Amino acid sequence: MDACSRTTAYRTEIWRCIKREAGRSIFKSWGYTPQKPIRKAFEQKPEQVKQWLEKEYPAIKKRATKEKGTIYFGDETGMRSDHQAGRSYAPKGKTPW
């Protein structure tokens, strides 16, 4: 790495630090704190989930048992349901989605 690229890399890192620290102080002055979002999907409809678990799932489970099958749960997103990409900012005491 030559001297010029080292200087550029150093400057870039300094600006990242300045932006990060300035962002924190601005959010703090607004009463916001860094928080991890809740993990439950806000689109979930608990009454429909309960109905599915009580009425439809038992039939699926019975058939799987009869056919010596295994039931796997997944979704179309292709990532873990408990995946946490990072923090967000929200008013203190109010967890973001």
C-alpha atoms as a PDB file:
ATOM      1  CA  MET A   1       0.000   0.000   0.000  1.00  0.00           C
ATOM      2  CA  ASP A   2       1.528   3.350  -0.949  1.00  0.00           C
ATOM      3  CA  ALA A   3       1.503   6.462   1.251  1.00  0.00           C
ATOM      4  CA  CYS A   4      -1.321   8.070  -0.730  1.00  0.00           C
ATOM      5  CA  SER A   5      -3.734   5.149  -0.313  1.00  0.00           C
ATOM      6  CA  ARG A   6      -2.873   4.844   3.404  1.00  0.00           C
ATOM      7  CA  THR A   7      -3.736   8.521   3.867  1.00  0.00           C
ATOM      8  CA  THR A   8      -7.023   8.116   1.994  1.00  0.00           C
ATOM      9  CA  ALA A   9      -7.945   5.034   4.028  1.00  0.00           C
ATOM     10  CA  TYR A  10      -7.111   6.885   7.255  1.00  0.00           C
ATOM     11  CA  ARG A  11      -9.247   9.878   6.228  1.00  0.00           C
ATOM     12  CA  THR A  12     -12.147   7.597   5.336  1.00  0.00           C
ATOM     13  CA  GLU A  13     -11.965   5.903   8.736  1.00  0.00           C
ATOM     14  CA  ILE A  14     -11.874   9.262  10.536  1.00  0.00           C
ATOM     15  CA  TRP A  15     -15.021  10.417   8.695  1.00  0.00           C
ATOM     16  CA  ARG A  16     -16.787   7.176   9.543  1.00  0.00           C
ATOM     17  CA  CYS A  17     -15.983   7.782  13.200  1.00  0.00           C
ATOM     18  CA  ILE A  18     -17.117  11.427  13.059  1.00  0.00           C
ATOM     19  CA  LYS A  19     -20.404  10.483  11.362  1.00  0.00           C
ATOM     20  CA  ARG A  20     -21.035   7.676  13.858  1.00  0.00           C
ATOM     21  CA  GLU A  21     -20.361   9.897  16.885  1.00  0.00           C
ATOM     22  CA  ALA A  22     -22.325  12.871  15.493  1.00  0.00           C
ATOM     23  CA  GLY A  23     -25.271  10.597  14.721  1.00  0.00           C
ATOM     24  CA  ARG A  24     -25.263   9.255  18.259  1.00  0.00           C
ATOM     25  CA  SER A  25     -25.241  12.706  19.821  1.00  0.00           C
ATOM     26  CA  ILE A  26     -28.079  13.926  17.583  1.00  0.00           C
ATOM     27  CA  PHE A  27     -30.243  10.908  18.428  1.00  0.00           C
ATOM     28  CA  LYS A  28     -29.372  11.265  22.122  1.00  0.00           C
ATOM     29  CA  SER A  29     -30.401  14.946  22.088  1.00  0.00           C
ATOM     30  CA  TRP A  30     -33.785  13.851  20.695  1.00  0.00           C
ATOM     31  CA  GLY A  31     -34.215  11.331  23.532  1.00  0.00           C
ATOM     32  CA  TYR A  32     -33.597   8.336  21.254  1.00  0.00           C
ATOM     33  CA  THR A  33     -31.542   5.329  22.303  1.00  0.00           C
ATOM     34  CA  PRO A  34     -30.100   2.429  20.274  1.00  0.00           C
ATOM     35  CA  GLN A  35     -32.458  -0.552  20.461  1.00  0.00           C
ATOM     36  CA  LYS A  36     -32.930  -3.897  18.830  1.00  0.00           C
ATOM     37  CA  PRO A  37     -36.314  -4.298  17.112  1.00  0.00           C
ATOM     38  CA  ILE A  38     -38.819  -6.819  18.457  1.00  0.00           C
ATOM     39  CA  ARG A  39     -38.639 -10.218  16.789  1.00  0.00           C
ATOM     40  CA  LYS A  40     -42.336 -10.929  16.354  1.00  0.00           C
ATOM     41  CA  ALA A  41     -43.721 -10.061  12.945  1.00  0.00           C
ATOM     42  CA  PHE A  42     -46.142  -7.166  13.233  1.00  0.00           C
ATOM     43  CA  GLU A  43     -48.208  -8.616  10.377  1.00  0.00           C
ATOM     44  CA  GLN A  44     -48.941 -11.768  12.377  1.00  0.00           C
ATOM     45  CA  LYS A  45     -52.598 -12.340  13.165  1.00  0.00           C
ATOM     46  CA  PRO A  46     -52.696 -14.288  16.465  1.00  0.00           C
ATOM     47  CA  GLU A  47     -56.316 -15.430  16.069  1.00  0.00           C
ATOM     48  CA  GLN A  48     -55.575 -16.942  12.635  1.00  0.00           C
ATOM     49  CA  VAL A  49     -52.430 -18.635  13.961  1.00  0.00           C
ATOM     50  CA  LYS A  50     -54.431 -20.140  16.847  1.00  0.00           C
ATOM     51  CA  GLN A  51     -57.136 -21.369  14.465  1.00  0.00           C
ATOM     52  CA  TRP A  52     -54.534 -22.946  12.157  1.00  0.00           C
ATOM     53  CA  LEU A  53     -52.796 -24.667  15.084  1.00  0.00           C
ATOM     54  CA  GLU A  54     -56.083 -26.028  16.459  1.00  0.00           C
ATOM     55  CA  LYS A  55     -57.826 -27.055  13.220  1.00  0.00           C
ATOM     56  CA  GLU A  56     -55.476 -27.488  10.265  1.00  0.00           C
ATOM     57  CA  TYR A  57     -52.185 -28.521  11.839  1.00  0.00           C
ATOM     58  CA  PRO A  58     -53.536 -31.614  13.662  1.00  0.00           C
ATOM     59  CA  ALA A  59     -54.652 -33.085  10.304  1.00  0.00           C
ATOM     60  CA  ILE A  60     -51.230 -32.375   8.787  1.00  0.00           C
ATOM     61  CA  LYS A  61     -49.496 -33.945  11.793  1.00  0.00           C
ATOM     62  CA  LYS A  62     -51.775 -37.010  11.684  1.00  0.00           C
ATOM     63  CA  ARG A  63     -51.004 -37.573   7.990  1.00  0.00           C
ATOM     64  CA  ALA A  64     -47.260 -37.114   8.564  1.00  0.00           C
ATOM     65  CA  THR A  65     -47.341 -39.672  11.381  1.00  0.00           C
ATOM     66  CA  LYS A  66     -49.337 -42.117   9.256  1.00  0.00           C
ATOM     67  CA  GLU A  67     -46.877 -41.773   6.355  1.00  0.00           C
ATOM     68  CA  LYS A  68     -43.823 -41.720   8.675  1.00  0.00           C
ATOM     69  CA  GLY A  69     -42.994 -38.230   7.427  1.00  0.00           C
ATOM     70  CA  THR A  70     -41.277 -35.254   8.973  1.00  0.00           C
ATOM     71  CA  ILE A  71     -42.783 -31.786   9.156  1.00  0.00           C
ATOM     72  CA  TYR A  72     -40.484 -28.854   8.430  1.00  0.00           C
ATOM     73  CA  PHE A  73     -41.420 -25.222   8.924  1.00  0.00           C
ATOM     74  CA  GLY A  74     -40.037 -22.478   6.687  1.00  0.00           C
ATOM     75  CA  ASP A  75     -40.965 -19.294   4.925  1.00  0.00           C
ATOM     76  CA  GLU A  76     -40.338 -17.597   1.630  1.00  0.00           C
ATOM     77  CA  THR A  77     -37.739 -15.121   2.888  1.00  0.00           C
ATOM     78  CA  GLY A  78     -34.820 -17.540   2.882  1.00  0.00           C
ATOM     79  CA  MET A  79     -33.451 -16.327   6.205  1.00  0.00           C
ATOM     80  CA  ARG A  80     -33.836 -17.180   9.843  1.00  0.00           C
ATOM     81  CA  SER A  81     -36.908 -15.845  11.590  1.00  0.00           C
ATOM     82  CA  ASP A  82     -34.732 -14.719  14.511  1.00  0.00           C
ATOM     83  CA  HIS A  83     -32.190 -12.937  12.280  1.00  0.00           C
ATOM     84  CA  GLN A  84     -31.132  -9.597  13.704  1.00  0.00           C
ATOM     85  CA  ALA A  85     -29.579  -7.302  11.094  1.00  0.00           C
ATOM     86  CA  GLY A  86     -28.675  -4.539  13.516  1.00  0.00           C
ATOM     87  CA  ARG A  87     -29.848  -1.802  15.782  1.00  0.00           C
ATOM     88  CA  SER A  88     -32.279   0.977  15.128  1.00  0.00           C
ATOM     89  CA  TYR A  89     -33.026   4.167  17.002  1.00  0.00           C
ATOM     90  CA  ALA A  90     -36.298   4.954  18.735  1.00  0.00           C
ATOM     91  CA  PRO A  91     -37.514   7.088  21.627  1.00  0.00           C
ATOM     92  CA  LYS A  92     -36.355   5.671  24.949  1.00  0.00           C
ATOM     93  CA  GLY A  93     -38.759   2.985  26.168  1.00  0.00           C
ATOM     94  CA  LYS A  94     -40.465   2.502  22.767  1.00  0.00           C
ATOM     95  CA  THR A  95     -39.031  -0.555  21.047  1.00  0.00           C
ATOM     96  CA  PRO A  96     -39.073  -0.334  17.236  1.00  0.00           C
ATOM     97  CA  TRP A  97     -40.844  -3.037  15.244  1.00  0.00           C
END
